């Protein structure tokens, strides 16, 4: 994962392979 400095520690990106879905 990679994050902008403005959102580090507050936002989390993830993916769920079985659902072909990315979350924020």
PDBML (XML) file of the C-alpha atoms, coordinates in Angstrom:
<?xml version="1.0" encoding="UTF-8" ?>
<PDBx:datablock datablockName="MODEL"
   xmlns:PDBx="http://pdbml.pdb.org/schema/pdbx-v50.xsd"
   xmlns:xsi="http://www.w3.org/2001/XMLSchema-instance"
   xsi:schemaLocation="http://pdbml.pdb.org/schema/pdbx-v50.xsd pdbx-v50.xsd">
   <PDBx:atom_siteCategory>
      <PDBx:atom_site id="1">
         <PDBx:B_iso_or_equiv>0.00</PDBx:B_iso_or_equiv>
         <PDBx:Cartn_x>0.000</PDBx:Cartn_x>
         <PDBx:Cartn_y>0.000</PDBx:Cartn_y>
         <PDBx:Cartn_z>0.000</PDBx:Cartn_z>
         <PDBx:auth_asym_id>A</PDBx:auth_asym_id>
         <PDBx:auth_atom_id>CA</PDBx:auth_atom_id>
         <PDBx:auth_comp_id>UNK</PDBx:auth_comp_id>
         <PDBx:auth_seq_id>1</PDBx:auth_seq_id>
         <PDBx:group_PDB>ATOM</PDBx:group_PDB>
         <PDBx:label_alt_id xsi:nil="true" />
         <PDBx:label_asym_id>A</PDBx:label_asym_id>
         <PDBx:label_atom_id>CA</PDBx:label_atom_id>
         <PDBx:label_comp_id>UNK</PDBx:label_comp_id>
         <PDBx:label_entity_id>1</PDBx:label_entity_id>
         <PDBx:label_seq_id>1</PDBx:label_seq_id>
         <PDBx:occupancy>1.00</PDBx:occupancy>
         <PDBx:pdbx_PDB_model_num>1</PDBx:pdbx_PDB_model_num>
         <PDBx:type_symbol>C</PDBx:type_symbol>
      </PDBx:atom_site>
      <PDBx:atom_site id="2">
         <PDBx:B_iso_or_equiv>0.00</PDBx:B_iso_or_equiv>
         <PDBx:Cartn_x>0.855</PDBx:Cartn_x>
         <PDBx:Cartn_y>3.651</PDBx:Cartn_y>
         <PDBx:Cartn_z>-0.526</PDBx:Cartn_z>
         <PDBx:auth_asym_id>A</PDBx:auth_asym_id>
         <PDBx:auth_atom_id>CA</PDBx:auth_atom_id>
         <PDBx:auth_comp_id>UNK</PDBx:auth_comp_id>
         <PDBx:auth_seq_id>2</PDBx:auth_seq_id>
         <PDBx:group_PDB>ATOM</PDBx:group_PDB>
         <PDBx:label_alt_id xsi:nil="true" />
         <PDBx:label_asym_id>A</PDBx:label_asym_id>
         <PDBx:label_atom_id>CA</PDBx:label_atom_id>
         <PDBx:label_comp_id>UNK</PDBx:label_comp_id>
         <PDBx:label_entity_id>1</PDBx:label_entity_id>
         <PDBx:label_seq_id>2</PDBx:label_seq_id>
         <PDBx:occupancy>1.00</PDBx:occupancy>
         <PDBx:pdbx_PDB_model_num>1</PDBx:pdbx_PDB_model_num>
         <PDBx:type_symbol>C</PDBx:type_symbol>
      </PDBx:atom_site>
      <PDBx:atom_site id="3">
         <PDBx:B_iso_or_equiv>0.00</PDBx:B_iso_or_equiv>
         <PDBx:Cartn_x>-0.652</PDBx:Cartn_x>
         <PDBx:Cartn_y>6.748</PDBx:Cartn_y>
         <PDBx:Cartn_z>1.078</PDBx:Cartn_z>
         <PDBx:auth_asym_id>A</PDBx:auth_asym_id>
         <PDBx:auth_atom_id>CA</PDBx:auth_atom_id>
         <PDBx:auth_comp_id>UNK</PDBx:auth_comp_id>
         <PDBx:auth_seq_id>3</PDBx:auth_seq_id>
         <PDBx:group_PDB>ATOM</PDBx:group_PDB>
         <PDBx:label_alt_id xsi:nil="true" />
         <PDBx:label_asym_id>A</PDBx:label_asym_id>
         <PDBx:label_atom_id>CA</PDBx:label_atom_id>
         <PDBx:label_comp_id>UNK</PDBx:label_comp_id>
         <PDBx:label_entity_id>1</PDBx:label_entity_id>
         <PDBx:label_seq_id>3</PDBx:label_seq_id>
         <PDBx:occupancy>1.00</PDBx:occupancy>
         <PDBx:pdbx_PDB_model_num>1</PDBx:pdbx_PDB_model_num>
         <PDBx:type_symbol>C</PDBx:type_symbol>
      </PDBx:atom_site>
      <PDBx:atom_site id="4">
         <PDBx:B_iso_or_equiv>0.00</PDBx:B_iso_or_equiv>
         <PDBx:Cartn_x>-0.601</PDBx:Cartn_x>
         <PDBx:Cartn_y>10.491</PDBx:Cartn_y>
         <PDBx:Cartn_z>0.700</PDBx:Cartn_z>
         <PDBx:auth_asym_id>A</PDBx:auth_asym_id>
         <PDBx:auth_atom_id>CA</PDBx:auth_atom_id>
         <PDBx:auth_comp_id>UNK</PDBx:auth_comp_id>
         <PDBx:auth_seq_id>4</PDBx:auth_seq_id>
         <PDBx:group_PDB>ATOM</PDBx:group_PDB>
         <PDBx:label_alt_id xsi:nil="true" />
         <PDBx:label_asym_id>A</PDBx:label_asym_id>
         <PDBx:label_atom_id>CA</PDBx:label_atom_id>
         <PDBx:label_comp_id>UNK</PDBx:label_comp_id>
         <PDBx:label_entity_id>1</PDBx:label_entity_id>
         <PDBx:label_seq_id>4</PDBx:label_seq_id>
         <PDBx:occupancy>1.00</PDBx:occupancy>
         <PDBx:pdbx_PDB_model_num>1</PDBx:pdbx_PDB_model_num>
         <PDBx:type_symbol>C</PDBx:type_symbol>
      </PDBx:atom_site>
      <PDBx:atom_site id="5">
         <PDBx:B_iso_or_equiv>0.00</PDBx:B_iso_or_equiv>
         <PDBx:Cartn_x>0.905</PDBx:Cartn_x>
         <PDBx:Cartn_y>12.243</PDBx:Cartn_y>
         <PDBx:Cartn_z>3.717</PDBx:Cartn_z>
         <PDBx:auth_asym_id>A</PDBx:auth_asym_id>
         <PDBx:auth_atom_id>CA</PDBx:auth_atom_id>
         <PDBx:auth_comp_id>UNK</PDBx:auth_comp_id>
         <PDBx:auth_seq_id>5</PDBx:auth_seq_id>
         <PDBx:group_PDB>ATOM</PDBx:group_PDB>
         <PDBx:label_alt_id xsi:nil="true" />
         <PDBx:label_asym_id>A</PDBx:label_asym_id>
         <PDBx:label_atom_id>CA</PDBx:label_atom_id>
         <PDBx:label_comp_id>UNK</PDBx:label_comp_id>
         <PDBx:label_entity_id>1</PDBx:label_entity_id>
         <PDBx:label_seq_id>5</PDBx:label_seq_id>
         <PDBx:occupancy>1.00</PDBx:occupancy>
         <PDBx:pdbx_PDB_model_num>1</PDBx:pdbx_PDB_model_num>
         <PDBx:type_symbol>C</PDBx:type_symbol>
      </PDBx:atom_site>
      <PDBx:atom_site id="6">
         <PDBx:B_iso_or_equiv>0.00</PDBx:B_iso_or_equiv>
         <PDBx:Cartn_x>-2.381</PDBx:Cartn_x>
         <PDBx:Cartn_y>14.005</PDBx:Cartn_y>
         <PDBx:Cartn_z>4.401</PDBx:Cartn_z>
         <PDBx:auth_asym_id>A</PDBx:auth_asym_id>
         <PDBx:auth_atom_id>CA</PDBx:auth_atom_id>
         <PDBx:auth_comp_id>UNK</PDBx:auth_comp_id>
         <PDBx:auth_seq_id>6</PDBx:auth_seq_id>
         <PDBx:group_PDB>ATOM</PDBx:group_PDB>
         <PDBx:label_alt_id xsi:nil="true" />
         <PDBx:label_asym_id>A</PDBx:label_asym_id>
         <PDBx:label_atom_id>CA</PDBx:label_atom_id>
         <PDBx:label_comp_id>UNK</PDBx:label_comp_id>
         <PDBx:label_entity_id>1</PDBx:label_entity_id>
         <PDBx:label_seq_id>6</PDBx:label_seq_id>
         <PDBx:occupancy>1.00</PDBx:occupancy>
         <PDBx:pdbx_PDB_model_num>1</PDBx:pdbx_PDB_model_num>
         <PDBx:type_symbol>C</PDBx:type_symbol>
      </PDBx:atom_site>
      <PDBx:atom_site id="7">
         <PDBx:B_iso_or_equiv>0.00</PDBx:B_iso_or_equiv>
         <PDBx:Cartn_x>-4.222</PDBx:Cartn_x>
         <PDBx:Cartn_y>10.741</PDBx:Cartn_y>
         <PDBx:Cartn_z>5.102</PDBx:Cartn_z>
         <PDBx:auth_asym_id>A</PDBx:auth_asym_id>
         <PDBx:auth_atom_id>CA</PDBx:auth_atom_id>
         <PDBx:auth_comp_id>UNK</PDBx:auth_comp_id>
         <PDBx:auth_seq_id>7</PDBx:auth_seq_id>
         <PDBx:group_PDB>ATOM</PDBx:group_PDB>
         <PDBx:label_alt_id xsi:nil="true" />
         <PDBx:label_asym_id>A</PDBx:label_asym_id>
         <PDBx:label_atom_id>CA</PDBx:label_atom_id>
         <PDBx:label_comp_id>UNK</PDBx:label_comp_id>
         <PDBx:label_entity_id>1</PDBx:label_entity_id>
         <PDBx:label_seq_id>7</PDBx:label_seq_id>
         <PDBx:occupancy>1.00</PDBx:occupancy>
         <PDBx:pdbx_PDB_model_num>1</PDBx:pdbx_PDB_model_num>
         <PDBx:type_symbol>C</PDBx:type_symbol>
      </PDBx:atom_site>
      <PDBx:atom_site id="8">
         <PDBx:B_iso_or_equiv>0.00</PDBx:B_iso_or_equiv>
         <PDBx:Cartn_x>-1.564</PDBx:Cartn_x>
         <PDBx:Cartn_y>8.525</PDBx:Cartn_y>
         <PDBx:Cartn_z>6.684</PDBx:Cartn_z>
         <PDBx:auth_asym_id>A</PDBx:auth_asym_id>
         <PDBx:auth_atom_id>CA</PDBx:auth_atom_id>
         <PDBx:auth_comp_id>UNK</PDBx:auth_comp_id>
         <PDBx:auth_seq_id>8</PDBx:auth_seq_id>
         <PDBx:group_PDB>ATOM</PDBx:group_PDB>
         <PDBx:label_alt_id xsi:nil="true" />
         <PDBx:label_asym_id>A</PDBx:label_asym_id>
         <PDBx:label_atom_id>CA</PDBx:label_atom_id>
         <PDBx:label_comp_id>UNK</PDBx:label_comp_id>
         <PDBx:label_entity_id>1</PDBx:label_entity_id>
         <PDBx:label_seq_id>8</PDBx:label_seq_id>
         <PDBx:occupancy>1.00</PDBx:occupancy>
         <PDBx:pdbx_PDB_model_num>1</PDBx:pdbx_PDB_model_num>
         <PDBx:type_symbol>C</PDBx:type_symbol>
      </PDBx:atom_site>
      <PDBx:atom_site id="9">
         <PDBx:B_iso_or_equiv>0.00</PDBx:B_iso_or_equiv>
         <PDBx:Cartn_x>-2.780</PDBx:Cartn_x>
         <PDBx:Cartn_y>7.047</PDBx:Cartn_y>
         <PDBx:Cartn_z>9.945</PDBx:Cartn_z>
         <PDBx:auth_asym_id>A</PDBx:auth_asym_id>
         <PDBx:auth_atom_id>CA</PDBx:auth_atom_id>
         <PDBx:auth_comp_id>UNK</PDBx:auth_comp_id>
         <PDBx:auth_seq_id>9</PDBx:auth_seq_id>
         <PDBx:group_PDB>ATOM</PDBx:group_PDB>
         <PDBx:label_alt_id xsi:nil="true" />
         <PDBx:label_asym_id>A</PDBx:label_asym_id>
         <PDBx:label_atom_id>CA</PDBx:label_atom_id>
         <PDBx:label_comp_id>UNK</PDBx:label_comp_id>
         <PDBx:label_entity_id>1</PDBx:label_entity_id>
         <PDBx:label_seq_id>9</PDBx:label_seq_id>
         <PDBx:occupancy>1.00</PDBx:occupancy>
         <PDBx:pdbx_PDB_model_num>1</PDBx:pdbx_PDB_model_num>
         <PDBx:type_symbol>C</PDBx:type_symbol>
      </PDBx:atom_site>
      <PDBx:atom_site id="10">
         <PDBx:B_iso_or_equiv>0.00</PDBx:B_iso_or_equiv>
         <PDBx:Cartn_x>-6.402</PDBx:Cartn_x>
         <PDBx:Cartn_y>7.910</PDBx:Cartn_y>
         <PDBx:Cartn_z>9.158</PDBx:Cartn_z>
         <PDBx:auth_asym_id>A</PDBx:auth_asym_id>
         <PDBx:auth_atom_id>CA</PDBx:auth_atom_id>
         <PDBx:auth_comp_id>UNK</PDBx:auth_comp_id>
         <PDBx:auth_seq_id>10</PDBx:auth_seq_id>
         <PDBx:group_PDB>ATOM</PDBx:group_PDB>
         <PDBx:label_alt_id xsi:nil="true" />
         <PDBx:label_asym_id>A</PDBx:label_asym_id>
         <PDBx:label_atom_id>CA</PDBx:label_atom_id>
         <PDBx:label_comp_id>UNK</PDBx:label_comp_id>
         <PDBx:label_entity_id>1</PDBx:label_entity_id>
         <PDBx:label_seq_id>10</PDBx:label_seq_id>
         <PDBx:occupancy>1.00</PDBx:occupancy>
         <PDBx:pdbx_PDB_model_num>1</PDBx:pdbx_PDB_model_num>
         <PDBx:type_symbol>C</PDBx:type_symbol>
      </PDBx:atom_site>
      <PDBx:atom_site id="11">
         <PDBx:B_iso_or_equiv>0.00</PDBx:B_iso_or_equiv>
         <PDBx:Cartn_x>-7.233</PDBx:Cartn_x>
         <PDBx:Cartn_y>6.116</PDBx:Cartn_y>
         <PDBx:Cartn_z>5.893</PDBx:Cartn_z>
         <PDBx:auth_asym_id>A</PDBx:auth_asym_id>
         <PDBx:auth_atom_id>CA</PDBx:auth_atom_id>
         <PDBx:auth_comp_id>UNK</PDBx:auth_comp_id>
         <PDBx:auth_seq_id>11</PDBx:auth_seq_id>
         <PDBx:group_PDB>ATOM</PDBx:group_PDB>
         <PDBx:label_alt_id xsi:nil="true" />
         <PDBx:label_asym_id>A</PDBx:label_asym_id>
         <PDBx:label_atom_id>CA</PDBx:label_atom_id>
         <PDBx:label_comp_id>UNK</PDBx:label_comp_id>
         <PDBx:label_entity_id>1</PDBx:label_entity_id>
         <PDBx:label_seq_id>11</PDBx:label_seq_id>
         <PDBx:occupancy>1.00</PDBx:occupancy>
         <PDBx:pdbx_PDB_model_num>1</PDBx:pdbx_PDB_model_num>
         <PDBx:type_symbol>C</PDBx:type_symbol>
      </PDBx:atom_site>
      <PDBx:atom_site id="12">
         <PDBx:B_iso_or_equiv>0.00</PDBx:B_iso_or_equiv>
         <PDBx:Cartn_x>-6.718</PDBx:Cartn_x>
         <PDBx:Cartn_y>2.454</PDBx:Cartn_y>
         <PDBx:Cartn_z>5.018</PDBx:Cartn_z>
         <PDBx:auth_asym_id>A</PDBx:auth_asym_id>
         <PDBx:auth_atom_id>CA</PDBx:auth_atom_id>
         <PDBx:auth_comp_id>UNK</PDBx:auth_comp_id>
         <PDBx:auth_seq_id>12</PDBx:auth_seq_id>
         <PDBx:group_PDB>ATOM</PDBx:group_PDB>
         <PDBx:label_alt_id xsi:nil="true" />
         <PDBx:label_asym_id>A</PDBx:label_asym_id>
         <PDBx:label_atom_id>CA</PDBx:label_atom_id>
         <PDBx:label_comp_id>UNK</PDBx:label_comp_id>
         <PDBx:label_entity_id>1</PDBx:label_entity_id>
         <PDBx:label_seq_id>12</PDBx:label_seq_id>
         <PDBx:occupancy>1.00</PDBx:occupancy>
         <PDBx:pdbx_PDB_model_num>1</PDBx:pdbx_PDB_model_num>
         <PDBx:type_symbol>C</PDBx:type_symbol>
      </PDBx:atom_site>
      <PDBx:atom_site id="13">
         <PDBx:B_iso_or_equiv>0.00</PDBx:B_iso_or_equiv>
         <PDBx:Cartn_x>-6.898</PDBx:Cartn_x>
         <PDBx:Cartn_y>0.914</PDBx:Cartn_y>
         <PDBx:Cartn_z>1.551</PDBx:Cartn_z>
         <PDBx:auth_asym_id>A</PDBx:auth_asym_id>
         <PDBx:auth_atom_id>CA</PDBx:auth_atom_id>
         <PDBx:auth_comp_id>UNK</PDBx:auth_comp_id>
         <PDBx:auth_seq_id>13</PDBx:auth_seq_id>
         <PDBx:group_PDB>ATOM</PDBx:group_PDB>
         <PDBx:label_alt_id xsi:nil="true" />
         <PDBx:label_asym_id>A</PDBx:label_asym_id>
         <PDBx:label_atom_id>CA</PDBx:label_atom_id>
         <PDBx:label_comp_id>UNK</PDBx:label_comp_id>
         <PDBx:label_entity_id>1</PDBx:label_entity_id>
         <PDBx:label_seq_id>13</PDBx:label_seq_id>
         <PDBx:occupancy>1.00</PDBx:occupancy>
         <PDBx:pdbx_PDB_model_num>1</PDBx:pdbx_PDB_model_num>
         <PDBx:type_symbol>C</PDBx:type_symbol>
      </PDBx:atom_site>
      <PDBx:atom_site id="14">
         <PDBx:B_iso_or_equiv>0.00</PDBx:B_iso_or_equiv>
         <PDBx:Cartn_x>-7.580</PDBx:Cartn_x>
         <PDBx:Cartn_y>-2.796</PDBx:Cartn_y>
         <PDBx:Cartn_z>1.169</PDBx:Cartn_z>
         <PDBx:auth_asym_id>A</PDBx:auth_asym_id>
         <PDBx:auth_atom_id>CA</PDBx:auth_atom_id>
         <PDBx:auth_comp_id>UNK</PDBx:auth_comp_id>
         <PDBx:auth_seq_id>14</PDBx:auth_seq_id>
         <PDBx:group_PDB>ATOM</PDBx:group_PDB>
         <PDBx:label_alt_id xsi:nil="true" />
         <PDBx:label_asym_id>A</PDBx:label_asym_id>
         <PDBx:label_atom_id>CA</PDBx:label_atom_id>
         <PDBx:label_comp_id>UNK</PDBx:label_comp_id>
         <PDBx:label_entity_id>1</PDBx:label_entity_id>
         <PDBx:label_seq_id>14</PDBx:label_seq_id>
         <PDBx:occupancy>1.00</PDBx:occupancy>
         <PDBx:pdbx_PDB_model_num>1</PDBx:pdbx_PDB_model_num>
         <PDBx:type_symbol>C</PDBx:type_symbol>
      </PDBx:atom_site>
      <PDBx:atom_site id="15">
         <PDBx:B_iso_or_equiv>0.00</PDBx:B_iso_or_equiv>
         <PDBx:Cartn_x>-8.873</PDBx:Cartn_x>
         <PDBx:Cartn_y>-5.327</PDBx:Cartn_y>
         <PDBx:Cartn_z>-1.332</PDBx:Cartn_z>
         <PDBx:auth_asym_id>A</PDBx:auth_asym_id>
         <PDBx:auth_atom_id>CA</PDBx:auth_atom_id>
         <PDBx:auth_comp_id>UNK</PDBx:auth_comp_id>
         <PDBx:auth_seq_id>15</PDBx:auth_seq_id>
         <PDBx:group_PDB>ATOM</PDBx:group_PDB>
         <PDBx:label_alt_id xsi:nil="true" />
         <PDBx:label_asym_id>A</PDBx:label_asym_id>
         <PDBx:label_atom_id>CA</PDBx:label_atom_id>
         <PDBx:label_comp_id>UNK</PDBx:label_comp_id>
         <PDBx:label_entity_id>1</PDBx:label_entity_id>
         <PDBx:label_seq_id>15</PDBx:label_seq_id>
         <PDBx:occupancy>1.00</PDBx:occupancy>
         <PDBx:pdbx_PDB_model_num>1</PDBx:pdbx_PDB_model_num>
         <PDBx:type_symbol>C</PDBx:type_symbol>
      </PDBx:atom_site>
      <PDBx:atom_site id="16">
         <PDBx:B_iso_or_equiv>0.00</PDBx:B_iso_or_equiv>
         <PDBx:Cartn_x>-11.102</PDBx:Cartn_x>
         <PDBx:Cartn_y>-8.385</PDBx:Cartn_y>
         <PDBx:Cartn_z>-1.128</PDBx:Cartn_z>
         <PDBx:auth_asym_id>A</PDBx:auth_asym_id>
         <PDBx:auth_atom_id>CA</PDBx:auth_atom_id>
         <PDBx:auth_comp_id>UNK</PDBx:auth_comp_id>
         <PDBx:auth_seq_id>16</PDBx:auth_seq_id>
         <PDBx:group_PDB>ATOM</PDBx:group_PDB>
         <PDBx:label_alt_id xsi:nil="true" />
         <PDBx:label_asym_id>A</PDBx:label_asym_id>
         <PDBx:label_atom_id>CA</PDBx:label_atom_id>
         <PDBx:label_comp_id>UNK</PDBx:label_comp_id>
         <PDBx:label_entity_id>1</PDBx:label_entity_id>
         <PDBx:label_seq_id>16</PDBx:label_seq_id>
         <PDBx:occupancy>1.00</PDBx:occupancy>
         <PDBx:pdbx_PDB_model_num>1</PDBx:pdbx_PDB_model_num>
         <PDBx:type_symbol>C</PDBx:type_symbol>
      </PDBx:atom_site>
      <PDBx:atom_site id="17">
         <PDBx:B_iso_or_equiv>0.00</PDBx:B_iso_or_equiv>
         <PDBx:Cartn_x>-10.074</PDBx:Cartn_x>
         <PDBx:Cartn_y>-10.764</PDBx:Cartn_y>
         <PDBx:Cartn_z>-3.898</PDBx:Cartn_z>
         <PDBx:auth_asym_id>A</PDBx:auth_asym_id>
         <PDBx:auth_atom_id>CA</PDBx:auth_atom_id>
         <PDBx:auth_comp_id>UNK</PDBx:auth_comp_id>
         <PDBx:auth_seq_id>17</PDBx:auth_seq_id>
         <PDBx:group_PDB>ATOM</PDBx:group_PDB>
         <PDBx:label_alt_id xsi:nil="true" />
         <PDBx:label_asym_id>A</PDBx:label_asym_id>
         <PDBx:label_atom_id>CA</PDBx:label_atom_id>
         <PDBx:label_comp_id>UNK</PDBx:label_comp_id>
         <PDBx:label_entity_id>1</PDBx:label_entity_id>
         <PDBx:label_seq_id>17</PDBx:label_seq_id>
         <PDBx:occupancy>1.00</PDBx:occupancy>
         <PDBx:pdbx_PDB_model_num>1</PDBx:pdbx_PDB_model_num>
         <PDBx:type_symbol>C</PDBx:type_symbol>
      </PDBx:atom_site>
      <PDBx:atom_site id="18">
         <PDBx:B_iso_or_equiv>0.00</PDBx:B_iso_or_equiv>
         <PDBx:Cartn_x>-13.201</PDBx:Cartn_x>
         <PDBx:Cartn_y>-12.927</PDBx:Cartn_y>
         <PDBx:Cartn_z>-3.872</PDBx:Cartn_z>
         <PDBx:auth_asym_id>A</PDBx:auth_asym_id>
         <PDBx:auth_atom_id>CA</PDBx:auth_atom_id>
         <PDBx:auth_comp_id>UNK</PDBx:auth_comp_id>
         <PDBx:auth_seq_id>18</PDBx:auth_seq_id>
         <PDBx:group_PDB>ATOM</PDBx:group_PDB>
         <PDBx:label_alt_id xsi:nil="true" />
         <PDBx:label_asym_id>A</PDBx:label_asym_id>
         <PDBx:label_atom_id>CA</PDBx:label_atom_id>
         <PDBx:label_comp_id>UNK</PDBx:label_comp_id>
         <PDBx:label_entity_id>1</PDBx:label_entity_id>
         <PDBx:label_seq_id>18</PDBx:label_seq_id>
         <PDBx:occupancy>1.00</PDBx:occupancy>
         <PDBx:pdbx_PDB_model_num>1</PDBx:pdbx_PDB_model_num>
         <PDBx:type_symbol>C</PDBx:type_symbol>
      </PDBx:atom_site>
      <PDBx:atom_site id="19">
         <PDBx:B_iso_or_equiv>0.00</PDBx:B_iso_or_equiv>
         <PDBx:Cartn_x>-15.426</PDBx:Cartn_x>
         <PDBx:Cartn_y>-9.900</PDBx:Cartn_y>
         <PDBx:Cartn_z>-4.472</PDBx:Cartn_z>
         <PDBx:auth_asym_id>A</PDBx:auth_asym_id>
         <PDBx:auth_atom_id>CA</PDBx:auth_atom_id>
         <PDBx:auth_comp_id>UNK</PDBx:auth_comp_id>
         <PDBx:auth_seq_id>19</PDBx:auth_seq_id>
         <PDBx:group_PDB>ATOM</PDBx:group_PDB>
         <PDBx:label_alt_id xsi:nil="true" />
         <PDBx:label_asym_id>A</PDBx:label_asym_id>
         <PDBx:label_atom_id>CA</PDBx:label_atom_id>
         <PDBx:label_comp_id>UNK</PDBx:label_comp_id>
         <PDBx:label_entity_id>1</PDBx:label_entity_id>
         <PDBx:label_seq_id>19</PDBx:label_seq_id>
         <PDBx:occupancy>1.00</PDBx:occupancy>
         <PDBx:pdbx_PDB_model_num>1</PDBx:pdbx_PDB_model_num>
         <PDBx:type_symbol>C</PDBx:type_symbol>
      </PDBx:atom_site>
      <PDBx:atom_site id="20">
         <PDBx:B_iso_or_equiv>0.00</PDBx:B_iso_or_equiv>
         <PDBx:Cartn_x>-13.202</PDBx:Cartn_x>
         <PDBx:Cartn_y>-7.990</PDBx:Cartn_y>
         <PDBx:Cartn_z>-6.898</PDBx:Cartn_z>
         <PDBx:auth_asym_id>A</PDBx:auth_asym_id>
         <PDBx:auth_atom_id>CA</PDBx:auth_atom_id>
         <PDBx:auth_comp_id>UNK</PDBx:auth_comp_id>
         <PDBx:auth_seq_id>20</PDBx:auth_seq_id>
         <PDBx:group_PDB>ATOM</PDBx:group_PDB>
         <PDBx:label_alt_id xsi:nil="true" />
         <PDBx:label_asym_id>A</PDBx:label_asym_id>
         <PDBx:label_atom_id>CA</PDBx:label_atom_id>
         <PDBx:label_comp_id>UNK</PDBx:label_comp_id>
         <PDBx:label_entity_id>1</PDBx:label_entity_id>
         <PDBx:label_seq_id>20</PDBx:label_seq_id>
         <PDBx:occupancy>1.00</PDBx:occupancy>
         <PDBx:pdbx_PDB_model_num>1</PDBx:pdbx_PDB_model_num>
         <PDBx:type_symbol>C</PDBx:type_symbol>
      </PDBx:atom_site>
      <PDBx:atom_site id="21">
         <PDBx:B_iso_or_equiv>0.00</PDBx:B_iso_or_equiv>
         <PDBx:Cartn_x>-13.589</PDBx:Cartn_x>
         <PDBx:Cartn_y>-5.031</PDBx:Cartn_y>
         <PDBx:Cartn_z>-4.603</PDBx:Cartn_z>
         <PDBx:auth_asym_id>A</PDBx:auth_asym_id>
         <PDBx:auth_atom_id>CA</PDBx:auth_atom_id>
         <PDBx:auth_comp_id>UNK</PDBx:auth_comp_id>
         <PDBx:auth_seq_id>21</PDBx:auth_seq_id>
         <PDBx:group_PDB>ATOM</PDBx:group_PDB>
         <PDBx:label_alt_id xsi:nil="true" />
         <PDBx:label_asym_id>A</PDBx:label_asym_id>
         <PDBx:label_atom_id>CA</PDBx:label_atom_id>
         <PDBx:label_comp_id>UNK</PDBx:label_comp_id>
         <PDBx:label_entity_id>1</PDBx:label_entity_id>
         <PDBx:label_seq_id>21</PDBx:label_seq_id>
         <PDBx:occupancy>1.00</PDBx:occupancy>
         <PDBx:pdbx_PDB_model_num>1</PDBx:pdbx_PDB_model_num>
         <PDBx:type_symbol>C</PDBx:type_symbol>
      </PDBx:atom_site>
      <PDBx:atom_site id="22">
         <PDBx:B_iso_or_equiv>0.00</PDBx:B_iso_or_equiv>
         <PDBx:Cartn_x>-11.279</PDBx:Cartn_x>
         <PDBx:Cartn_y>-2.341</PDBx:Cartn_y>
         <PDBx:Cartn_z>-3.258</PDBx:Cartn_z>
         <PDBx:auth_asym_id>A</PDBx:auth_asym_id>
         <PDBx:auth_atom_id>CA</PDBx:auth_atom_id>
         <PDBx:auth_comp_id>UNK</PDBx:auth_comp_id>
         <PDBx:auth_seq_id>22</PDBx:auth_seq_id>
         <PDBx:group_PDB>ATOM</PDBx:group_PDB>
         <PDBx:label_alt_id xsi:nil="true" />
         <PDBx:label_asym_id>A</PDBx:label_asym_id>
         <PDBx:label_atom_id>CA</PDBx:label_atom_id>
         <PDBx:label_comp_id>UNK</PDBx:label_comp_id>
         <PDBx:label_entity_id>1</PDBx:label_entity_id>
         <PDBx:label_seq_id>22</PDBx:label_seq_id>
         <PDBx:occupancy>1.00</PDBx:occupancy>
         <PDBx:pdbx_PDB_model_num>1</PDBx:pdbx_PDB_model_num>
         <PDBx:type_symbol>C</PDBx:type_symbol>
      </PDBx:atom_site>
      <PDBx:atom_site id="23">
         <PDBx:B_iso_or_equiv>0.00</PDBx:B_iso_or_equiv>
         <PDBx:Cartn_x>-12.091</PDBx:Cartn_x>
         <PDBx:Cartn_y>-0.409</PDBx:Cartn_y>
         <PDBx:Cartn_z>-0.094</PDBx:Cartn_z>
         <PDBx:auth_asym_id>A</PDBx:auth_asym_id>
         <PDBx:auth_atom_id>CA</PDBx:auth_atom_id>
         <PDBx:auth_comp_id>UNK</PDBx:auth_comp_id>
         <PDBx:auth_seq_id>23</PDBx:auth_seq_id>
         <PDBx:group_PDB>ATOM</PDBx:group_PDB>
         <PDBx:label_alt_id xsi:nil="true" />
         <PDBx:label_asym_id>A</PDBx:label_asym_id>
         <PDBx:label_atom_id>CA</PDBx:label_atom_id>
         <PDBx:label_comp_id>UNK</PDBx:label_comp_id>
         <PDBx:label_entity_id>1</PDBx:label_entity_id>
         <PDBx:label_seq_id>23</PDBx:label_seq_id>
         <PDBx:occupancy>1.00</PDBx:occupancy>
         <PDBx:pdbx_PDB_model_num>1</PDBx:pdbx_PDB_model_num>
         <PDBx:type_symbol>C</PDBx:type_symbol>
      </PDBx:atom_site>
      <PDBx:atom_site id="24">
         <PDBx:B_iso_or_equiv>0.00</PDBx:B_iso_or_equiv>
         <PDBx:Cartn_x>-11.062</PDBx:Cartn_x>
         <PDBx:Cartn_y>2.882</PDBx:Cartn_y>
         <PDBx:Cartn_z>1.410</PDBx:Cartn_z>
         <PDBx:auth_asym_id>A</PDBx:auth_asym_id>
         <PDBx:auth_atom_id>CA</PDBx:auth_atom_id>
         <PDBx:auth_comp_id>UNK</PDBx:auth_comp_id>
         <PDBx:auth_seq_id>24</PDBx:auth_seq_id>
         <PDBx:group_PDB>ATOM</PDBx:group_PDB>
         <PDBx:label_alt_id xsi:nil="true" />
         <PDBx:label_asym_id>A</PDBx:label_asym_id>
         <PDBx:label_atom_id>CA</PDBx:label_atom_id>
         <PDBx:label_comp_id>UNK</PDBx:label_comp_id>
         <PDBx:label_entity_id>1</PDBx:label_entity_id>
         <PDBx:label_seq_id>24</PDBx:label_seq_id>
         <PDBx:occupancy>1.00</PDBx:occupancy>
         <PDBx:pdbx_PDB_model_num>1</PDBx:pdbx_PDB_model_num>
         <PDBx:type_symbol>C</PDBx:type_symbol>
      </PDBx:atom_site>
   </PDBx:atom_siteCategory>
</PDBx:datablock>
